[in-house]
Amino acid sequence: AATSQKPQSMIDSLVDYYSNYNSNVHRGVHTLSVEATDAYEIARQKIADFINAPSPANIVFVRNTTEAINLVAHTWAAANVKAGDRIVITEMEHHSNLVPWQHVARINGAELKLMAMDSGYELDTSDLDELLTPATKLVALTHMSNVLGTITPVAEIVAAAHRVGALALIDAAQSVPHLPVDVQAIDCDFMAFSGHKMLGPTGIGVLYAKEEVLEQMDPFLRGGEMVLEVTYEDASWNEVPLKFEAG
C-alpha cells in the first residue's frame, strides 16, 4: 500500500535517459530535447491508454496523488465551491483526500460531509440521497482504501453525484496499480494516482480530468513550461494539459 519495488526495466529506462538524452521537454528544438519530449509524450499516451482516457490531453503530470488532489482543490474547487455549498468525502479517506477539502470548506464557507462505513468496513450508501443534495458541488472518494483494502462502488457514486450536478474525484492511488480502471466507464471528472505505487519512479503522478473541465480551470502553479507568451505586464498559458505542468 505504501510503495512498490522497482523492476530493472524501469531503472534501466531512467539510466538511459540520464545517460543518453537528458534534456528539458518542450523547451528546445535540438536533438536531445526533441527525443526527451517524444519519450515524455509517449509516456502520456501510454497512461491515457492504460486507464482508457479519451485523449492524452486528459493526462496532467504532477508529483504524486497528493499534488493532483491539491491541484483540483486550489483551482476548480477554489473557484466553484461557495459559501453554503457541500463537499462529500468518506470516512475511509487517506488524509491527502481529506485535508485539502477541509481547507476549501474553511476558506470558502462550505460544508464538508462524510459518508460512513458499515460494520464490515464497506461504504454505507444507504443515505446517499440525503448526502447528495443540489448544494453538493464535489464528491471525492477513494477507489480502494490503503488501510482497509475496501473497494468502493465508484461508478454508482459518480452517477449519483452527477444527478445532482456535482463533480466527482477519485483517489485511485491504490486501485490503478491493482485493478483494471476505465475512467470513461466510471465517468469521473477527476482521478488521481502516483507512479511510485505502480512500479514507476518516485516523484511522478497523474491527474486525469475531463478535457472540458481542464479548459475551465486556472493554472495551479505558474512559470516555465506552462507559459505560452509573457511580457512584463501579462502572460498567457499553454494549451491543456501543459497549462498545468509548470517548471
Protein backbone atom coordinates (compact mmCIF):
# COMPACT_ATOMS: atom_id res chain seq x y z
CA ALA A 1 0.00 0.00 0.00
CA ALA A 2 2.88 2.40 0.71
CA THR A 3 5.03 1.92 -2.40
CA SER A 4 6.10 -0.72 -4.88
CA GLN A 5 9.57 -2.03 -5.54
CA LYS A 6 11.07 -1.11 -8.90
CA PRO A 7 11.66 -3.51 -11.80
CA GLN A 8 15.04 -3.41 -13.54
CA SER A 9 13.40 -2.31 -16.80
CA MET A 10 12.18 0.90 -15.15
CA ILE A 11 15.58 1.57 -13.58
CA ASP A 12 17.27 0.95 -16.95
CA SER A 13 14.92 3.45 -18.62
CA LEU A 14 15.91 6.16 -16.16
CA VAL A 15 19.61 5.39 -16.60
CA ASP A 16 19.17 5.50 -20.40
CA TYR A 17 17.51 8.92 -20.19
CA TYR A 18 20.12 10.45 -17.89
CA SER A 19 22.97 8.86 -19.86
CA ASN A 20 21.87 9.48 -23.44
CA TYR A 21 19.18 12.13 -23.94
CA ASN A 22 18.88 14.15 -20.72
CA SER A 23 17.18 17.42 -21.69
CA ASN A 24 14.24 19.68 -20.86
CA VAL A 25 10.98 18.61 -22.52
CA HIS A 26 9.00 21.06 -24.67
CA ARG A 27 11.72 23.68 -24.19
CA GLY A 28 14.14 23.23 -27.10
CA VAL A 29 14.46 22.29 -30.77
CA HIS A 30 17.80 20.48 -30.52
CA THR A 31 18.04 16.70 -30.92
CA LEU A 32 18.16 15.77 -27.23
CA SER A 33 15.19 17.96 -26.35
CA VAL A 34 13.11 16.52 -29.19
CA GLU A 35 14.00 12.97 -28.13
CA ALA A 36 13.15 13.67 -24.49
CA THR A 37 9.88 15.38 -25.46
CA ASP A 38 8.88 12.45 -27.66
CA ALA A 39 9.53 9.98 -24.83
CA TYR A 40 7.61 12.18 -22.38
CA GLU A 41 4.57 12.38 -24.65
CA ILE A 42 4.71 8.66 -25.48
CA ALA A 43 4.51 8.03 -21.72
CA ARG A 44 1.48 10.34 -21.51
CA GLN A 45 -0.23 8.38 -24.31
CA LYS A 46 0.54 5.06 -22.60
CA ILE A 47 -1.02 6.28 -19.37
CA ALA A 48 -4.09 7.52 -21.25
CA ASP A 49 -4.44 4.11 -22.86
CA PHE A 50 -3.89 2.32 -19.54
CA ILE A 51 -6.90 3.99 -17.90
CA ASN A 52 -8.88 4.34 -21.17
CA ALA A 53 -8.79 8.14 -21.18
CA PRO A 54 -10.27 9.65 -24.36
CA SER A 55 -7.06 11.56 -25.11
CA PRO A 56 -3.55 12.23 -23.77
CA ALA A 57 -4.80 15.79 -23.23
CA ASN A 58 -6.70 14.40 -20.23
CA ILE A 59 -3.43 13.44 -18.50
CA VAL A 60 -1.65 16.04 -16.36
CA PHE A 61 1.72 15.07 -14.90
CA VAL A 62 2.17 16.04 -11.24
CA ARG A 63 4.50 14.90 -8.44
CA ASN A 64 2.11 12.47 -6.75
CA THR A 65 -1.52 11.75 -5.87
CA THR A 66 -1.47 14.39 -3.13
CA GLU A 67 -0.45 17.13 -5.54
CA ALA A 68 -3.11 16.03 -8.04
CA ILE A 69 -5.83 16.37 -5.38
CA ASN A 70 -4.45 19.71 -4.23
CA LEU A 71 -4.39 20.94 -7.82
CA VAL A 72 -8.14 20.35 -8.04
CA ALA A 73 -8.71 21.89 -4.61
CA HIS A 74 -6.76 25.07 -5.35
CA THR A 75 -8.12 25.59 -8.85
CA TRP A 76 -11.52 24.09 -9.66
CA ALA A 77 -12.82 23.91 -6.08
CA ALA A 78 -11.50 27.33 -5.09
CA ALA A 79 -13.43 28.86 -7.99
CA ASN A 80 -16.59 26.76 -7.87
CA VAL A 81 -17.30 25.87 -4.24
CA LYS A 82 -19.06 28.75 -2.49
CA ALA A 83 -20.47 29.50 0.95
CA GLY A 84 -23.29 27.10 1.75
CA ASP A 85 -22.14 24.52 -0.78
CA ARG A 86 -21.26 20.96 0.19
CA ILE A 87 -18.26 18.67 -0.39
CA VAL A 88 -18.82 14.97 0.31
CA ILE A 89 -15.99 12.53 1.11
CA THR A 90 -15.89 9.23 3.03
CA GLU A 91 -14.70 8.13 6.47
CA MET A 92 -12.05 5.89 4.90
CA GLU A 93 -10.12 8.60 3.07
CA HIS A 94 -6.35 8.98 3.25
CA HIS A 95 -5.64 12.41 4.73
CA SER A 96 -4.46 13.56 1.29
CA ASN A 97 -8.11 13.35 0.27
CA LEU A 98 -9.34 14.95 3.48
CA VAL A 99 -7.09 17.89 4.42
CA PRO A 100 -7.39 19.75 1.06
CA TRP A 101 -11.19 19.64 1.33
CA GLN A 102 -11.10 20.78 4.94
CA HIS A 103 -9.12 23.78 3.69
CA VAL A 104 -11.54 24.56 0.84
CA ALA A 105 -14.54 24.25 3.16
CA ARG A 106 -12.95 26.52 5.77
CA ILE A 107 -11.80 29.20 3.32
CA ASN A 108 -14.94 29.22 1.15
CA GLY A 109 -17.51 28.68 3.90
CA ALA A 110 -18.67 25.32 2.55
CA GLU A 111 -19.83 22.23 4.43
CA LEU A 112 -17.75 19.03 4.49
CA LYS A 113 -19.83 15.87 4.95
CA LEU A 114 -18.59 12.31 5.44
CA MET A 115 -20.07 9.12 4.01
CA ALA A 116 -19.96 6.45 6.73
CA MET A 117 -18.72 2.87 6.72
CA ASP A 118 -20.81 -0.09 7.83
CA SER A 119 -19.74 -2.76 10.36
CA GLY A 120 -17.94 -4.70 7.62
CA TYR A 121 -15.83 -1.66 6.66
CA GLU A 122 -17.68 -1.26 3.38
CA LEU A 123 -19.06 2.08 2.28
CA ASP A 124 -22.60 2.66 3.56
CA THR A 125 -24.51 4.16 0.64
CA SER A 126 -27.95 3.92 2.29
CA ASP A 127 -28.11 7.67 2.96
CA LEU A 128 -26.58 8.73 -0.36
CA ASP A 129 -29.69 10.65 -1.39
CA GLU A 130 -29.55 12.68 1.83
CA LEU A 131 -25.84 13.43 1.45
CA LEU A 132 -26.00 14.37 -2.21
CA THR A 133 -28.21 17.42 -2.49
CA PRO A 134 -28.30 20.27 -5.03
CA ALA A 135 -25.88 22.06 -2.70
CA THR A 136 -23.26 19.35 -3.31
CA LYS A 137 -20.55 20.56 -5.68
CA LEU A 138 -17.96 17.80 -5.32
CA VAL A 139 -17.79 14.18 -4.22
CA ALA A 140 -14.23 12.97 -3.54
CA LEU A 141 -13.62 9.36 -2.56
CA THR A 142 -11.07 6.60 -2.65
CA HIS A 143 -11.46 3.75 -5.11
CA MET A 144 -9.56 1.36 -2.84
CA SER A 145 -8.64 2.10 0.78
CA ASN A 146 -4.91 1.95 1.56
CA VAL A 147 -5.76 0.82 5.13
CA LEU A 148 -8.75 -1.47 4.70
CA GLY A 149 -8.40 -2.70 1.14
CA THR A 150 -12.09 -1.85 0.70
CA ILE A 151 -13.12 -1.31 -2.92
CA THR A 152 -15.81 1.33 -3.22
CA PRO A 153 -18.64 1.40 -5.81
CA VAL A 154 -17.22 4.44 -7.57
CA ALA A 155 -19.33 4.26 -10.75
CA GLU A 156 -22.54 4.20 -8.71
CA ILE A 157 -21.46 7.16 -6.58
CA VAL A 158 -20.20 9.16 -9.56
CA ALA A 159 -23.56 8.68 -11.28
CA ALA A 160 -25.37 9.82 -8.12
CA ALA A 161 -23.10 12.89 -7.90
CA HIS A 162 -23.82 13.81 -11.50
CA ARG A 163 -27.56 13.53 -10.93
CA VAL A 164 -27.37 16.47 -8.51
CA GLY A 165 -24.94 18.44 -10.69
CA ALA A 166 -21.81 17.66 -8.65
CA LEU A 167 -18.41 16.68 -9.99
CA ALA A 168 -16.59 13.57 -8.78
CA LEU A 169 -12.94 13.00 -7.92
CA ILE A 170 -11.50 9.50 -7.44
CA ASP A 171 -8.36 8.82 -5.39
CA ALA A 172 -7.09 5.85 -7.39
CA ALA A 173 -3.62 5.59 -5.86
CA GLN A 174 -4.32 2.01 -4.76
CA SER A 175 -6.71 0.87 -7.48
CA VAL A 176 -4.89 1.79 -10.69
CA PRO A 177 -1.92 -0.49 -9.83
CA HIS A 178 -4.16 -3.45 -8.88
CA LEU A 179 -7.44 -3.27 -10.82
CA PRO A 180 -8.50 -2.63 -14.41
CA VAL A 181 -9.55 1.03 -14.30
CA ASP A 182 -11.63 2.63 -17.06
CA VAL A 183 -12.21 6.34 -16.48
CA GLN A 184 -14.83 6.52 -19.22
CA ALA A 185 -16.84 3.67 -17.70
CA ILE A 186 -16.56 5.24 -14.23
CA ASP A 187 -17.31 8.66 -15.78
CA CYS A 188 -15.37 10.51 -13.06
CA ASP A 189 -14.41 14.12 -13.65
CA PHE A 190 -11.04 13.75 -11.91
CA MET A 191 -8.82 10.82 -11.00
CA ALA A 192 -5.51 10.94 -9.13
CA PHE A 193 -2.75 8.33 -8.79
CA SER A 194 1.01 8.00 -8.26
CA GLY A 195 3.78 6.34 -10.25
CA HIS A 196 5.67 5.07 -7.23
CA LYS A 197 2.84 2.72 -6.23
CA MET A 198 2.75 1.08 -9.67
CA LEU A 199 6.38 0.15 -10.39
CA GLY A 200 7.29 3.65 -11.54
CA PRO A 201 9.74 6.19 -10.13
CA THR A 202 9.15 8.32 -7.06
CA GLY A 203 8.21 11.91 -7.81
CA ILE A 204 5.72 11.42 -10.64
CA GLY A 205 1.95 11.23 -10.52
CA VAL A 206 -1.10 11.77 -12.68
CA LEU A 207 -4.21 13.86 -12.59
CA TYR A 208 -6.78 12.65 -15.09
CA ALA A 209 -9.54 15.15 -15.79
CA LYS A 210 -12.17 15.63 -18.42
CA GLU A 211 -10.80 18.00 -21.02
CA GLU A 212 -13.69 20.45 -20.83
CA VAL A 213 -13.14 20.74 -17.07
CA LEU A 214 -9.40 21.36 -17.51
CA GLU A 215 -10.13 24.07 -20.07
CA GLN A 216 -12.21 25.96 -17.48
CA MET A 217 -9.62 25.70 -14.70
CA ASP A 218 -6.93 28.25 -13.88
CA PRO A 219 -3.33 27.05 -13.53
CA PHE A 220 -2.19 25.80 -10.14
CA LEU A 221 1.48 26.78 -10.49
CA ARG A 222 2.85 29.41 -12.86
CA GLY A 223 6.10 29.63 -14.78
CA GLY A 224 8.25 27.52 -17.08
CA GLU A 225 6.59 25.13 -19.48
CA MET A 226 3.04 26.25 -18.75
CA VAL A 227 3.66 29.75 -20.20
CA LEU A 228 2.72 30.43 -23.82
CA GLU A 229 3.69 34.10 -24.05
CA VAL A 230 4.91 36.51 -21.39
CA THR A 231 5.61 40.22 -21.15
CA TYR A 232 6.48 42.38 -18.18
CA GLU A 233 2.78 43.21 -17.84
CA ASP A 234 0.99 39.94 -18.51
CA ALA A 235 1.22 36.29 -19.56
CA SER A 236 -0.86 33.70 -21.37
CA TRP A 237 -0.98 29.97 -20.74
CA ASN A 238 -0.10 26.93 -22.80
CA GLU A 239 -2.75 24.52 -24.05
CA VAL A 240 -4.16 21.71 -21.90
CA PRO A 241 -2.55 19.70 -20.33
CA LEU A 242 0.71 21.70 -20.48
CA LYS A 243 -1.10 24.60 -18.77
CA PHE A 244 -0.82 22.63 -15.52
CA GLU A 245 2.81 21.44 -15.86
CA ALA A 246 4.87 24.35 -14.54
CA GLY A 247 8.65 24.32 -14.34
